[in-house]
Amino acid sequence: ILLHSDRDPIPDVPAVYFLMPTEENIDRICQDLRNQLYESYYMNFISAISRSKLEDIASAALAANAVSQVTKVFDQYLNFISLEDDMFILCHQNKELISYHAINRADIQDTDMEAIMDTVVDSLFCFFVTLGAVPIIRCPRGNAAEMVAVKLDKKLRENLRDARNSLFTGDSMTGGQFSFQRPLFVLADRNMDMATPLHHTWTYQALIHDVLDFHLNRVVLEEGGGAEASPAGARPKKKARKTYDLTAADSFWQKHKGSPFPEVAESVQEELDAYRAQEDEVKRLKSIMGLEGEDEAAISMLSDNTAKLTSAVSSLPELLEKKRLIDLHTNVATAVLDHIKSRKLDVYFEYEEKLMSKSALDKSLLDIISDPDAGTPEDKMRLFLIFYITAQQAPSESDLEQYKKALVDAGCDLSSLNYIKQWKAFTKMATAPANYGNSGVKPMGLFSRVMNTGSQFVMEGVKNLVLKQHVTPRQSKNRLLLNCPGMSDHLFLFFCFSSIPRNKNPFQEAIVFVVGGGNYIEYQNLVDYSKSKPGRKVLYGCSELFNASQFMKQLAQLGQK
């Protein structure tokens, strides 16, 4: 039951509370105690409750003569969300409080910034308590990531100093308090790499997040029910919405979420063909035995000849689950494909890869911006921002005016460009542009097998782009830290918690965390890096998870004059 709903007293029942220790929630607990709603109270706070708020509850319990009824009070240290085994985010409900916009707005006060950093540190502390490990912290100098590192370092030290109440001793510690193999915690700032979150992507999970409504591993699709003509004067019918959960239990998702989209389309078709073959086999066996339309009882009465059929029937539940997953991914992949084809996302992806890897371009940027059939105004703005961010030399004023005119004619809002210009000037990126590595993609012509007329996915006109290893500026720094932990400190600050000499061996476990927001492209890059280094484990976290559209809105807000 929701805490702030109207609840009737149930005096002979214990109540378990699971909530954040906010002022509003504490007031409601005190009200429940005063109203004698339950027999006993078990309070579980998602984040650690402060002493003053604990005293408020104690005072209310005392006044209501209910002290003995408050049975347990727990700090659960769960103020983060694990979306994958190797990925976590800090906030979902009030993410605007710690968003990129909140951290980087021009009128931010020192007290506001402190509050944002405290919120981030509180969640990261919860993460490390749950992990049962004290990390070695590395961060770049002079930005929000450094502020988080300093505060987290202080909070961890204070907890370790109190040996009796430390959360990192005893059973909770996996590797021992001062183990030689503590995890490396790399704190990065979103401002280190602004191009990657704007990039049109080509892998399944990142594409779903980019073009569909995808939150907390649940994708919402609009069914095409609204196409029917409504009677004159009547309201148009609402489109039906269908939700699908993409979880670890879905074997197809686990195998293909990081695959390039053409491979996913081909795999869905192969799964569908295999399912149909199994279904046809069951029908064929029934037909041979003259059992069409017979019930299960008649089938089970037959003797030896039924071995194959019995086996087929027993696998029916598994077959039905397979069919459900095939239908799910057919629907999701079809919805993604509709966006790819209508917006020419394969063209954008390939062009951006070439921009970021400094490869030769086969088409001028103005041609794409001016093409009315190539993507939405937002797609064109994203492409231009990537060009502007990654350019070795900023375009001349006359060229910039020409681009701006083409963008305005295409219906683009230039607010985000205003902010990126300020950001580039501030970070002196014009003189030292971020290195986006030697990436690039190989166009492999049109699809080989998916092009059959029997395929669910008519991919005509969509390029089969095979991903090559893509190294972002942040990734190159992460790799440097993972492989050379003793690297020079003029790049990254070092925070440690013991007198043990610094570890000169590569780290076996690392957590990369982005202050200011992250995305599935970076997550997938780290997953691919982990796979290429057996024995290494890399986790990815971010203060909020946004797609390019949500990031663009924040940039536009920052750039509004």
Protein backbone atom coordinates (compact mmCIF):
# COMPACT_ATOMS: atom_id res chain seq x y z
CA ILE A 1 0.00 0.00 0.00
CA LEU A 2 1.34 3.45 -0.85
CA LEU A 3 2.46 5.35 2.24
CA HIS A 4 0.51 8.55 1.48
CA SER A 5 -2.78 6.80 0.63
CA ASP A 6 -5.74 6.81 3.03
CA ARG A 7 -5.34 3.74 5.25
CA ASP A 8 -7.71 2.31 7.87
CA PRO A 9 -6.40 1.12 11.25
CA ILE A 10 -5.66 -2.65 11.43
CA PRO A 11 -4.62 -2.88 15.08
CA ASP A 12 -3.65 -6.61 15.15
CA VAL A 13 -1.30 -6.61 12.13
CA PRO A 14 2.44 -5.78 11.92
CA ALA A 15 3.40 -3.21 9.26
CA VAL A 16 6.61 -3.21 7.21
CA TYR A 17 7.62 0.23 5.89
CA PHE A 18 10.04 0.59 2.95
CA LEU A 19 10.71 4.26 2.15
CA MET A 20 13.14 7.14 1.75
CA PRO A 21 13.76 9.12 4.97
CA THR A 22 12.32 12.37 3.58
CA GLU A 23 10.66 15.02 5.74
CA GLU A 24 7.25 14.23 4.22
CA ASN A 25 7.60 10.45 4.78
CA ILE A 26 8.80 10.86 8.38
CA ASP A 27 5.79 13.11 9.13
CA ARG A 28 3.47 10.40 7.77
CA ILE A 29 5.11 7.69 9.94
CA CYS A 30 4.63 9.94 13.00
CA GLN A 31 0.97 10.41 12.01
CA ASP A 32 0.52 6.61 11.73
CA LEU A 33 1.99 6.17 15.21
CA ARG A 34 -0.35 8.83 16.61
CA ASN A 35 -3.35 7.16 14.94
CA GLN A 36 -2.35 3.72 16.33
CA LEU A 37 -2.80 2.13 12.88
CA TYR A 38 -0.90 -1.13 13.44
CA GLU A 39 0.20 -3.61 16.06
CA SER A 40 3.95 -3.20 15.38
CA TYR A 41 6.21 -1.23 13.03
CA TYR A 42 9.23 -2.46 11.06
CA MET A 43 10.88 0.53 9.38
CA ASN A 44 13.26 0.03 6.45
CA PHE A 45 14.89 3.19 5.16
CA ILE A 46 16.25 3.04 1.60
CA SER A 47 18.98 5.52 2.58
CA ALA A 48 20.45 6.13 6.05
CA ILE A 49 18.14 8.17 8.29
CA SER A 50 19.66 11.17 10.07
CA ARG A 51 19.74 11.36 13.86
CA SER A 52 17.36 14.37 13.95
CA LYS A 53 14.70 12.51 11.93
CA LEU A 54 15.13 9.42 14.10
CA GLU A 55 14.49 11.65 17.12
CA ASP A 56 11.31 12.97 15.46
CA ILE A 57 9.99 9.38 15.16
CA ALA A 58 11.04 8.65 18.77
CA SER A 59 9.19 11.75 20.04
CA ALA A 60 6.03 10.79 18.11
CA ALA A 61 6.23 7.19 19.43
CA LEU A 62 6.66 8.49 22.98
CA ALA A 63 3.72 10.90 22.66
CA ALA A 64 1.51 8.13 21.20
CA ASN A 65 2.63 5.64 23.89
CA ALA A 66 3.81 3.35 21.06
CA VAL A 67 7.55 2.99 21.82
CA SER A 68 7.32 -0.77 22.37
CA GLN A 69 5.48 -1.16 19.05
CA VAL A 70 8.42 0.18 17.00
CA THR A 71 10.04 -3.23 16.65
CA LYS A 72 12.90 -2.67 14.17
CA VAL A 73 14.52 0.27 12.39
CA PHE A 74 16.87 -0.60 9.51
CA ASP A 75 19.09 1.47 7.22
CA GLN A 76 19.06 -0.66 4.08
CA TYR A 77 21.53 1.37 1.94
CA LEU A 78 19.63 0.66 -1.28
CA ASN A 79 19.43 4.13 -2.80
CA PHE A 80 20.35 3.06 -6.34
CA ILE A 81 18.78 0.95 -9.09
CA SER A 82 20.49 -2.05 -10.69
CA LEU A 83 19.27 -2.30 -14.29
CA GLU A 84 21.72 -5.10 -15.18
CA ASP A 85 24.19 -7.33 -13.35
CA ASP A 86 26.87 -4.85 -14.40
CA MET A 87 24.98 -1.54 -14.62
CA PHE A 88 23.33 0.79 -12.09
CA ILE A 89 21.78 4.26 -11.97
CA LEU A 90 21.17 6.53 -8.99
CA CYS A 91 17.78 8.10 -9.52
CA HIS A 92 14.63 7.57 -11.49
CA GLN A 93 11.81 9.50 -9.87
CA ASN A 94 13.51 12.82 -9.09
CA LYS A 95 16.38 12.58 -11.54
CA GLU A 96 16.01 16.24 -12.56
CA LEU A 97 17.46 17.17 -9.12
CA ILE A 98 20.85 15.67 -10.08
CA SER A 99 20.61 16.02 -13.88
CA TYR A 100 23.24 17.43 -16.24
CA HIS A 101 21.10 20.60 -16.45
CA ALA A 102 20.98 20.95 -12.64
CA ILE A 103 24.79 20.62 -12.30
CA ASN A 104 25.72 22.91 -15.22
CA ARG A 105 23.19 25.74 -15.12
CA ALA A 106 24.77 29.18 -15.04
CA ASP A 107 22.85 30.52 -12.02
CA ILE A 108 23.61 27.59 -9.67
CA GLN A 109 24.44 28.58 -6.10
CA ASP A 110 27.22 26.91 -4.08
CA THR A 111 24.64 25.56 -1.62
CA ASP A 112 22.63 23.97 -4.48
CA MET A 113 25.78 22.37 -5.89
CA GLU A 114 26.69 21.00 -2.45
CA ALA A 115 23.20 19.51 -2.09
CA ILE A 116 23.43 17.83 -5.54
CA MET A 117 26.88 16.38 -4.76
CA ASP A 118 25.67 15.14 -1.33
CA THR A 119 22.73 13.34 -3.01
CA VAL A 120 25.08 11.65 -5.51
CA VAL A 121 27.58 10.69 -2.78
CA ASP A 122 24.83 9.29 -0.54
CA SER A 123 23.71 6.95 -3.33
CA LEU A 124 27.28 5.92 -4.22
CA PHE A 125 27.96 5.18 -0.55
CA CYS A 126 24.87 2.91 -0.54
CA PHE A 127 26.25 1.18 -3.64
CA PHE A 128 29.60 0.40 -2.02
CA VAL A 129 27.97 -0.76 1.24
CA THR A 130 25.85 -3.19 -0.80
CA LEU A 131 28.93 -4.28 -2.79
CA GLY A 132 30.82 -4.75 0.49
CA ALA A 133 33.98 -3.16 -0.87
CA VAL A 134 36.08 -0.05 -0.21
CA PRO A 135 37.20 1.25 -3.61
CA ILE A 136 40.35 2.98 -4.80
CA ILE A 137 38.98 6.22 -6.27
CA ARG A 138 40.37 7.95 -9.37
CA CYS A 139 38.90 11.09 -10.93
CA PRO A 140 39.87 13.91 -13.32
CA ARG A 141 40.72 17.27 -11.79
CA GLY A 142 38.62 20.41 -11.64
CA ASN A 143 35.02 19.33 -12.28
CA ALA A 144 31.92 17.81 -10.64
CA ALA A 145 33.53 14.34 -10.63
CA GLU A 146 36.32 15.66 -8.37
CA MET A 147 33.76 17.16 -5.96
CA VAL A 148 31.99 13.78 -5.75
CA ALA A 149 35.33 11.97 -5.24
CA VAL A 150 36.41 14.24 -2.38
CA LYS A 151 33.05 13.92 -0.58
CA LEU A 152 32.84 10.13 -1.11
CA ASP A 153 36.43 9.72 0.11
CA LYS A 154 35.57 11.66 3.29
CA LYS A 155 32.37 9.66 3.92
CA LEU A 156 34.14 6.31 3.46
CA ARG A 157 37.01 7.36 5.75
CA GLU A 158 34.60 8.47 8.50
CA ASN A 159 32.83 5.13 8.36
CA LEU A 160 36.07 3.12 8.41
CA ARG A 161 37.35 5.16 11.38
CA ASP A 162 34.47 3.95 13.56
CA ALA A 163 35.60 0.31 13.83
CA ARG A 164 32.62 -0.81 15.94
CA ASN A 165 29.98 0.53 13.57
CA SER A 166 31.82 0.33 10.25
CA LEU A 167 29.73 -1.03 7.40
CA PHE A 168 32.85 -2.43 5.69
CA THR A 169 34.06 -4.95 8.27
CA GLY A 170 33.06 -8.50 9.09
CA ASP A 171 30.79 -10.56 6.83
CA SER A 172 29.90 -7.71 4.49
CA MET A 173 33.47 -7.31 3.24
CA THR A 174 34.14 -9.55 0.29
CA GLY A 175 37.85 -8.95 -0.09
CA GLY A 176 38.96 -7.80 3.35
CA GLN A 177 39.18 -4.20 4.48
CA PHE A 178 42.61 -3.49 3.04
CA SER A 179 42.81 -6.17 0.40
CA PHE A 180 45.38 -5.78 -2.38
CA GLN A 181 42.63 -6.29 -4.96
CA ARG A 182 40.11 -3.64 -4.10
CA PRO A 183 37.98 -2.40 -6.99
CA LEU A 184 39.07 0.64 -8.96
CA PHE A 185 36.38 3.33 -8.98
CA VAL A 186 36.77 5.67 -11.96
CA LEU A 187 34.67 8.83 -11.66
CA ALA A 188 34.13 10.63 -14.96
CA ASP A 189 32.38 13.88 -15.80
CA ARG A 190 29.82 14.12 -18.60
CA ASN A 191 31.62 17.23 -19.88
CA MET A 192 34.61 15.05 -20.86
CA ASP A 193 32.61 13.61 -23.77
CA MET A 194 29.53 15.37 -25.12
CA ALA A 195 29.39 13.65 -28.52
CA THR A 196 28.67 10.04 -27.47
CA PRO A 197 25.26 10.73 -25.84
CA LEU A 198 24.13 12.49 -29.05
CA HIS A 199 25.34 9.69 -31.33
CA HIS A 200 22.83 7.67 -33.39
CA THR A 201 23.52 4.12 -32.33
CA TRP A 202 23.29 0.72 -34.05
CA THR A 203 23.06 -1.86 -31.25
CA TYR A 204 19.71 -3.33 -30.19
CA GLN A 205 19.41 -2.14 -26.57
CA ALA A 206 20.78 1.35 -27.29
CA LEU A 207 18.49 1.71 -30.33
CA ILE A 208 15.42 0.75 -28.29
CA HIS A 209 16.37 3.37 -25.69
CA ASP A 210 16.99 5.96 -28.42
CA VAL A 211 13.81 5.56 -30.51
CA LEU A 212 11.19 3.88 -28.26
CA ASP A 213 9.68 4.55 -24.82
CA PHE A 214 12.10 2.46 -22.69
CA HIS A 215 12.38 2.96 -18.91
CA LEU A 216 13.62 0.63 -16.16
CA ASN A 217 13.89 -2.31 -18.60
CA ARG A 218 10.28 -1.91 -19.78
CA VAL A 219 9.45 -0.87 -23.34
CA VAL A 220 6.05 0.61 -24.24
CA LEU A 221 4.82 0.27 -27.83
CA GLU A 222 1.81 1.93 -29.38
CA GLU A 223 -0.23 -0.55 -31.39
CA GLY A 224 -1.57 0.66 -34.72
CA GLY A 225 -5.20 0.59 -33.56
CA GLY A 226 -5.75 4.30 -34.13
CA ALA A 227 -5.69 4.02 -37.90
CA GLU A 228 -9.40 3.15 -38.24
CA ALA A 229 -11.59 6.01 -39.39
CA SER A 230 -13.75 7.43 -36.62
CA PRO A 231 -17.36 8.47 -37.24
CA ALA A 232 -17.73 12.15 -38.14
CA GLY A 233 -17.45 14.38 -35.08
CA ALA A 234 -16.32 11.51 -32.84
CA ARG A 235 -13.02 11.61 -31.00
CA PRO A 236 -10.27 9.59 -32.71
CA LYS A 237 -9.69 6.26 -31.01
CA LYS A 238 -6.75 6.09 -28.65
CA LYS A 239 -3.96 3.82 -29.79
CA ALA A 240 -3.59 0.71 -27.66
CA ARG A 241 -0.36 0.62 -25.65
CA LYS A 242 1.48 -2.62 -25.06
CA THR A 243 4.28 -3.06 -22.52
CA TYR A 244 7.08 -5.61 -22.64
CA ASP A 245 9.66 -6.37 -19.95
CA LEU A 246 13.17 -6.99 -21.27
CA THR A 247 14.84 -8.90 -18.44
CA ALA A 248 17.61 -11.39 -17.68
CA ALA A 249 15.03 -14.21 -17.95
CA ASP A 250 14.72 -13.49 -21.68
CA SER A 251 17.48 -15.57 -23.29
CA PHE A 252 17.16 -13.87 -26.69
CA TRP A 253 17.54 -10.43 -25.07
CA GLN A 254 20.56 -11.51 -23.02
CA LYS A 255 22.27 -12.86 -26.13
CA HIS A 256 21.45 -10.05 -28.56
CA LYS A 257 20.94 -6.78 -26.62
CA GLY A 258 24.48 -5.67 -27.53
CA SER A 259 24.36 -6.93 -31.13
CA PRO A 260 24.14 -4.68 -34.22
CA PHE A 261 20.50 -4.36 -35.29
CA PRO A 262 20.85 -6.27 -38.62
CA GLU A 263 22.11 -9.32 -36.68
CA VAL A 264 19.12 -9.05 -34.33
CA ALA A 265 16.66 -8.93 -37.24
CA GLU A 266 18.29 -12.00 -38.78
CA SER A 267 18.27 -13.88 -35.44
CA VAL A 268 14.56 -13.14 -34.87
CA GLN A 269 13.83 -14.56 -38.31
CA GLU A 270 15.93 -17.69 -37.59
CA GLU A 271 14.14 -18.22 -34.24
CA LEU A 272 10.78 -17.84 -35.99
CA ASP A 273 11.75 -20.38 -38.68
CA ALA A 274 12.94 -22.86 -36.01
CA TYR A 275 9.69 -22.43 -34.06
CA ARG A 276 7.57 -22.98 -37.18
CA ALA A 277 9.56 -26.14 -38.00
CA GLN A 278 8.86 -27.53 -34.50
CA GLU A 279 5.19 -26.60 -34.79
CA ASP A 280 4.92 -28.28 -38.20
CA GLU A 281 6.57 -31.42 -36.79
CA VAL A 282 3.86 -31.72 -34.10
CA LYS A 283 1.13 -31.25 -36.73
CA ARG A 284 2.79 -33.83 -39.01
CA LEU A 285 2.94 -36.44 -36.23
CA LYS A 286 -0.70 -35.85 -35.37
CA SER A 287 -1.65 -36.16 -39.03
CA ILE A 288 0.27 -39.45 -39.49
CA MET A 289 -1.52 -40.93 -36.49
CA GLY A 290 -4.91 -39.65 -37.60
CA LEU A 291 -5.31 -37.52 -34.51
CA GLU A 292 -6.20 -34.13 -35.90
CA GLY A 293 -8.64 -32.48 -33.54
CA GLU A 294 -8.30 -35.28 -30.95
CA ASP A 295 -7.92 -34.35 -27.31
CA GLU A 296 -4.85 -34.98 -25.14
CA ALA A 297 -6.45 -38.05 -23.48
CA ALA A 298 -6.76 -39.86 -26.82
CA ILE A 299 -3.12 -39.10 -27.61
CA SER A 300 -1.85 -40.49 -24.28
CA MET A 301 -3.80 -43.77 -24.76
CA LEU A 302 -1.71 -44.74 -27.79
CA SER A 303 1.27 -47.06 -27.32
CA ASP A 304 4.88 -47.10 -28.60
CA ASN A 305 4.19 -45.08 -31.74
CA THR A 306 3.45 -42.09 -29.57
CA ALA A 307 6.99 -41.64 -28.16
CA LYS A 308 7.84 -38.82 -30.55
CA LEU A 309 4.47 -37.14 -30.17
CA THR A 310 4.62 -37.40 -26.37
CA SER A 311 8.03 -35.75 -26.47
CA ALA A 312 6.66 -32.99 -28.72
CA VAL A 313 3.63 -32.45 -26.48
CA SER A 314 5.78 -32.31 -23.31
CA SER A 315 7.88 -29.58 -24.91
CA LEU A 316 4.76 -27.48 -25.63
CA PRO A 317 5.13 -25.14 -22.59
CA GLU A 318 8.72 -24.43 -23.63
CA LEU A 319 7.53 -23.94 -27.20
CA LEU A 320 4.81 -21.49 -26.10
CA GLU A 321 7.35 -19.45 -24.08
CA LYS A 322 9.63 -19.41 -27.12
CA LYS A 323 6.70 -18.16 -29.23
CA ARG A 324 5.98 -15.40 -26.68
CA LEU A 325 9.60 -14.18 -26.81
CA ILE A 326 9.66 -14.35 -30.62
CA ASP A 327 6.44 -12.30 -30.80
CA LEU A 328 7.87 -9.80 -28.28
CA HIS A 329 11.10 -9.26 -30.22
CA THR A 330 9.31 -9.31 -33.59
CA ASN A 331 7.09 -6.44 -32.38
CA VAL A 332 9.94 -4.49 -30.75
CA ALA A 333 12.36 -4.98 -33.65
CA THR A 334 9.66 -4.03 -36.18
CA ALA A 335 8.97 -0.80 -34.26
CA VAL A 336 12.72 -0.01 -34.23
CA LEU A 337 13.00 -0.82 -37.94
CA ASP A 338 10.13 1.57 -38.74
CA HIS A 339 12.17 4.38 -37.13
CA ILE A 340 15.38 3.34 -38.92
CA LYS A 341 13.68 3.37 -42.32
CA SER A 342 11.55 6.50 -41.88
CA ARG A 343 14.44 8.55 -40.39
CA LYS A 344 17.36 6.97 -42.34
CA LEU A 345 19.12 6.24 -39.05
CA ASP A 346 21.64 3.96 -40.77
CA VAL A 347 22.84 6.96 -42.82
CA TYR A 348 23.18 9.10 -39.68
CA PHE A 349 25.00 6.37 -37.77
CA GLU A 350 27.51 5.81 -40.56
CA TYR A 351 28.12 9.55 -41.15
CA GLU A 352 28.62 10.25 -37.41
CA GLU A 353 31.04 7.34 -37.09
CA LYS A 354 33.09 8.86 -39.91
CA LEU A 355 33.00 12.30 -38.26
CA MET A 356 34.11 10.87 -34.91
CA SER A 357 36.91 8.81 -36.45
CA LYS A 358 38.07 11.63 -38.78
CA SER A 359 37.42 9.42 -41.84
CA ALA A 360 36.78 10.75 -45.34
CA LEU A 361 33.15 11.84 -45.88
CA ASP A 362 31.26 10.78 -49.00
CA LYS A 363 28.60 13.46 -48.69
CA SER A 364 28.52 17.05 -47.45
CA LEU A 365 26.90 17.81 -44.09
CA LEU A 366 24.74 20.51 -45.69
CA ASP A 367 23.27 17.94 -48.09
CA ILE A 368 22.02 15.77 -45.21
CA ILE A 369 20.69 18.76 -43.22
CA SER A 370 18.89 20.06 -46.32
CA ASP A 371 17.43 16.66 -47.32
CA PRO A 372 13.74 16.80 -46.26
CA ASP A 373 13.51 12.97 -46.24
CA ALA A 374 16.53 12.39 -44.00
CA GLY A 375 15.39 12.22 -40.39
CA THR A 376 13.64 14.59 -38.00
CA PRO A 377 14.86 18.12 -37.10
CA GLU A 378 16.26 16.60 -33.89
CA ASP A 379 18.29 14.01 -35.89
CA LYS A 380 19.81 16.81 -37.97
CA MET A 381 20.63 18.86 -34.88
CA ARG A 382 22.31 15.86 -33.25
CA LEU A 383 24.42 15.28 -36.36
CA PHE A 384 25.48 18.93 -36.53
CA LEU A 385 26.37 19.06 -32.82
CA ILE A 386 28.59 15.98 -33.22
CA PHE A 387 30.28 17.68 -36.19
CA TYR A 388 30.78 20.86 -34.13
CA ILE A 389 32.07 19.02 -31.02
CA THR A 390 34.49 16.72 -32.87
CA ALA A 391 35.82 19.29 -35.39
CA GLN A 392 39.57 19.91 -35.06
CA GLN A 393 38.86 23.52 -35.97
CA ALA A 394 35.57 25.28 -35.37
CA PRO A 395 33.82 26.29 -38.63
CA SER A 396 34.32 29.90 -39.74
CA GLU A 397 31.58 32.44 -38.94
CA SER A 398 30.33 32.47 -42.56
CA ASP A 399 30.18 28.65 -42.70
CA LEU A 400 28.47 28.55 -39.30
CA GLU A 401 25.82 31.03 -40.48
CA GLN A 402 25.22 28.85 -43.55
CA TYR A 403 24.78 25.75 -41.36
CA LYS A 404 22.51 27.63 -38.94
CA LYS A 405 20.29 28.84 -41.80
CA ALA A 406 19.97 25.27 -43.14
CA LEU A 407 19.15 23.98 -39.63
CA VAL A 408 16.49 26.65 -39.05
CA ASP A 409 14.99 25.91 -42.48
CA ALA A 410 14.86 22.22 -41.46
CA GLY A 411 12.86 23.21 -38.34
CA CYS A 412 15.67 22.83 -35.77
CA ASP A 413 15.86 24.64 -32.42
CA LEU A 414 19.36 26.16 -32.10
CA SER A 415 19.29 26.57 -28.29
CA SER A 416 21.41 23.44 -27.78
CA LEU A 417 24.05 24.83 -30.18
CA ASN A 418 24.25 28.04 -28.10
CA TYR A 419 25.16 25.96 -25.06
CA ILE A 420 27.65 23.71 -26.90
CA LYS A 421 29.45 26.84 -28.17
CA GLN A 422 29.77 28.11 -24.57
CA TRP A 423 30.86 24.65 -23.37
CA LYS A 424 33.50 24.34 -26.11
CA ALA A 425 34.91 27.78 -25.35
CA PHE A 426 34.93 27.10 -21.61
CA THR A 427 36.68 23.72 -21.87
CA LYS A 428 39.08 25.03 -24.54
CA MET A 429 38.07 22.06 -26.63
CA ALA A 430 38.76 24.07 -29.78
CA THR A 431 42.51 23.88 -29.14
CA ALA A 432 42.52 20.35 -27.75
CA PRO A 433 39.61 18.41 -29.25
CA ALA A 434 38.63 15.10 -27.70
CA ASN A 435 40.16 12.12 -29.41
CA TYR A 436 37.41 9.78 -30.58
CA GLY A 437 39.80 7.04 -31.68
CA ASN A 438 40.11 5.21 -34.94
CA SER A 439 36.58 3.90 -35.23
CA GLY A 440 34.66 3.66 -38.46
CA VAL A 441 32.22 1.14 -39.87
CA LYS A 442 32.24 -1.17 -42.83
CA PRO A 443 29.08 -1.05 -44.97
CA MET A 444 28.42 -4.66 -45.95
CA GLY A 445 25.89 -4.01 -48.69
CA LEU A 446 22.28 -5.06 -48.20
CA PHE A 447 21.20 -8.00 -46.08
CA SER A 448 22.03 -11.45 -47.23
CA ARG A 449 19.46 -13.71 -45.59
CA VAL A 450 17.04 -11.21 -44.10
CA MET A 451 16.19 -9.95 -47.56
CA ASN A 452 14.21 -13.11 -48.43
CA THR A 453 10.61 -12.39 -49.28
CA GLY A 454 9.51 -14.70 -46.44
CA SER A 455 11.29 -12.57 -43.83
CA GLN A 456 9.37 -10.61 -41.19
CA PHE A 457 11.80 -7.75 -41.70
CA VAL A 458 11.86 -6.04 -45.06
CA MET A 459 15.22 -4.30 -44.68
CA GLU A 460 15.42 -2.92 -48.21
CA GLY A 461 17.40 0.31 -48.35
CA VAL A 462 18.84 -0.17 -44.85
CA LYS A 463 22.60 -0.66 -44.78
CA ASN A 464 24.07 -3.65 -42.99
CA LEU A 465 26.66 -1.80 -40.92
CA VAL A 466 29.09 -3.94 -38.97
CA LEU A 467 30.41 -2.28 -35.82
CA LYS A 468 34.12 -1.88 -35.42
CA GLN A 469 35.69 -1.23 -32.02
CA HIS A 470 34.73 2.34 -31.07
CA VAL A 471 36.90 4.19 -28.56
CA THR A 472 35.44 7.30 -26.92
CA PRO A 473 37.65 9.83 -25.07
CA ARG A 474 36.33 8.53 -21.74
CA GLN A 475 36.96 4.93 -22.75
CA SER A 476 40.59 5.58 -23.70
CA LYS A 477 41.16 7.13 -20.23
CA ASN A 478 39.35 4.21 -18.53
CA ARG A 479 41.52 1.69 -20.37
CA LEU A 480 44.63 3.58 -19.33
CA LEU A 481 43.57 3.43 -15.68
CA LEU A 482 42.54 -0.25 -15.83
CA ASN A 483 45.83 -1.32 -17.40
CA CYS A 484 48.23 1.18 -15.76
CA PRO A 485 46.95 1.91 -12.23
CA GLY A 486 50.18 3.75 -11.35
CA MET A 487 49.70 6.31 -14.13
CA SER A 488 50.82 9.88 -13.53
CA ASP A 489 48.60 11.90 -11.20
CA HIS A 490 48.59 15.07 -13.28
CA LEU A 491 45.65 13.47 -15.18
CA PHE A 492 43.70 11.74 -12.43
CA LEU A 493 43.54 12.33 -8.69
CA PHE A 494 44.12 9.28 -6.48
CA PHE A 495 42.23 8.46 -3.27
CA CYS A 496 43.28 5.45 -1.19
CA PHE A 497 42.47 4.28 2.36
CA SER A 498 45.59 2.49 3.57
CA SER A 499 49.36 2.71 3.81
CA ILE A 500 49.77 -0.18 1.34
CA PRO A 501 51.82 0.93 -1.68
CA ARG A 502 49.84 1.60 -4.83
CA ASN A 503 49.00 -1.46 -6.84
CA LYS A 504 51.18 -1.60 -9.96
CA ASN A 505 49.27 -4.55 -11.48
CA PRO A 506 46.20 -4.10 -13.70
CA PHE A 507 42.93 -4.07 -11.78
CA GLN A 508 40.68 -7.12 -11.96
CA GLU A 509 37.50 -5.28 -11.01
CA ALA A 510 36.51 -1.72 -11.85
CA ILE A 511 33.47 0.54 -11.64
CA VAL A 512 33.15 3.41 -14.11
CA PHE A 513 30.68 6.09 -13.01
CA VAL A 514 29.59 9.17 -14.99
CA VAL A 515 28.49 12.27 -13.06
CA GLY A 516 25.97 14.17 -15.18
CA GLY A 517 24.32 11.21 -16.91
CA GLY A 518 25.18 8.21 -19.06
CA ASN A 519 23.82 6.06 -21.86
CA TYR A 520 23.67 2.53 -23.24
CA ILE A 521 26.37 3.23 -25.87
CA GLU A 522 29.01 3.70 -23.15
CA TYR A 523 27.67 0.72 -21.20
CA GLN A 524 27.94 -1.50 -24.28
CA ASN A 525 31.47 -0.26 -24.99
CA LEU A 526 32.53 -1.32 -21.47
CA VAL A 527 30.77 -4.71 -21.80
CA ASP A 528 32.68 -5.32 -25.06
CA TYR A 529 35.93 -4.24 -23.38
CA SER A 530 35.30 -6.70 -20.48
CA LYS A 531 34.68 -9.55 -22.92
CA SER A 532 37.98 -8.84 -24.65
CA LYS A 533 39.82 -9.10 -21.30
CA PRO A 534 39.02 -12.45 -19.62
CA GLY A 535 39.16 -12.22 -15.83
CA ARG A 536 38.33 -8.50 -15.81
CA LYS A 537 35.00 -7.30 -14.48
CA VAL A 538 33.83 -3.77 -15.28
CA LEU A 539 30.60 -2.24 -13.94
CA TYR A 540 29.00 0.90 -15.39
CA GLY A 541 27.00 3.46 -13.45
CA CYS A 542 25.64 6.96 -14.00
CA SER A 543 23.75 9.62 -12.07
CA GLU A 544 20.88 9.35 -14.59
CA LEU A 545 20.31 7.37 -17.77
CA PHE A 546 19.17 9.50 -20.71
CA ASN A 547 18.73 9.02 -24.43
CA ALA A 548 19.81 11.63 -26.99
CA SER A 549 16.40 13.31 -27.07
CA GLN A 550 16.35 13.82 -23.28
CA PHE A 551 19.96 15.08 -23.33
CA MET A 552 19.14 17.52 -26.16
CA LYS A 553 16.28 18.97 -24.09
CA GLN A 554 18.68 19.63 -21.20
CA LEU A 555 21.21 21.26 -23.55
CA ALA A 556 18.43 23.40 -25.09
CA GLN A 557 17.33 24.57 -21.59
CA LEU A 558 20.94 25.52 -20.78
CA GLY A 559 21.31 27.37 -24.10
CA GLN A 560 18.10 29.41 -23.96
CA LYS A 561 18.84 33.13 -23.86
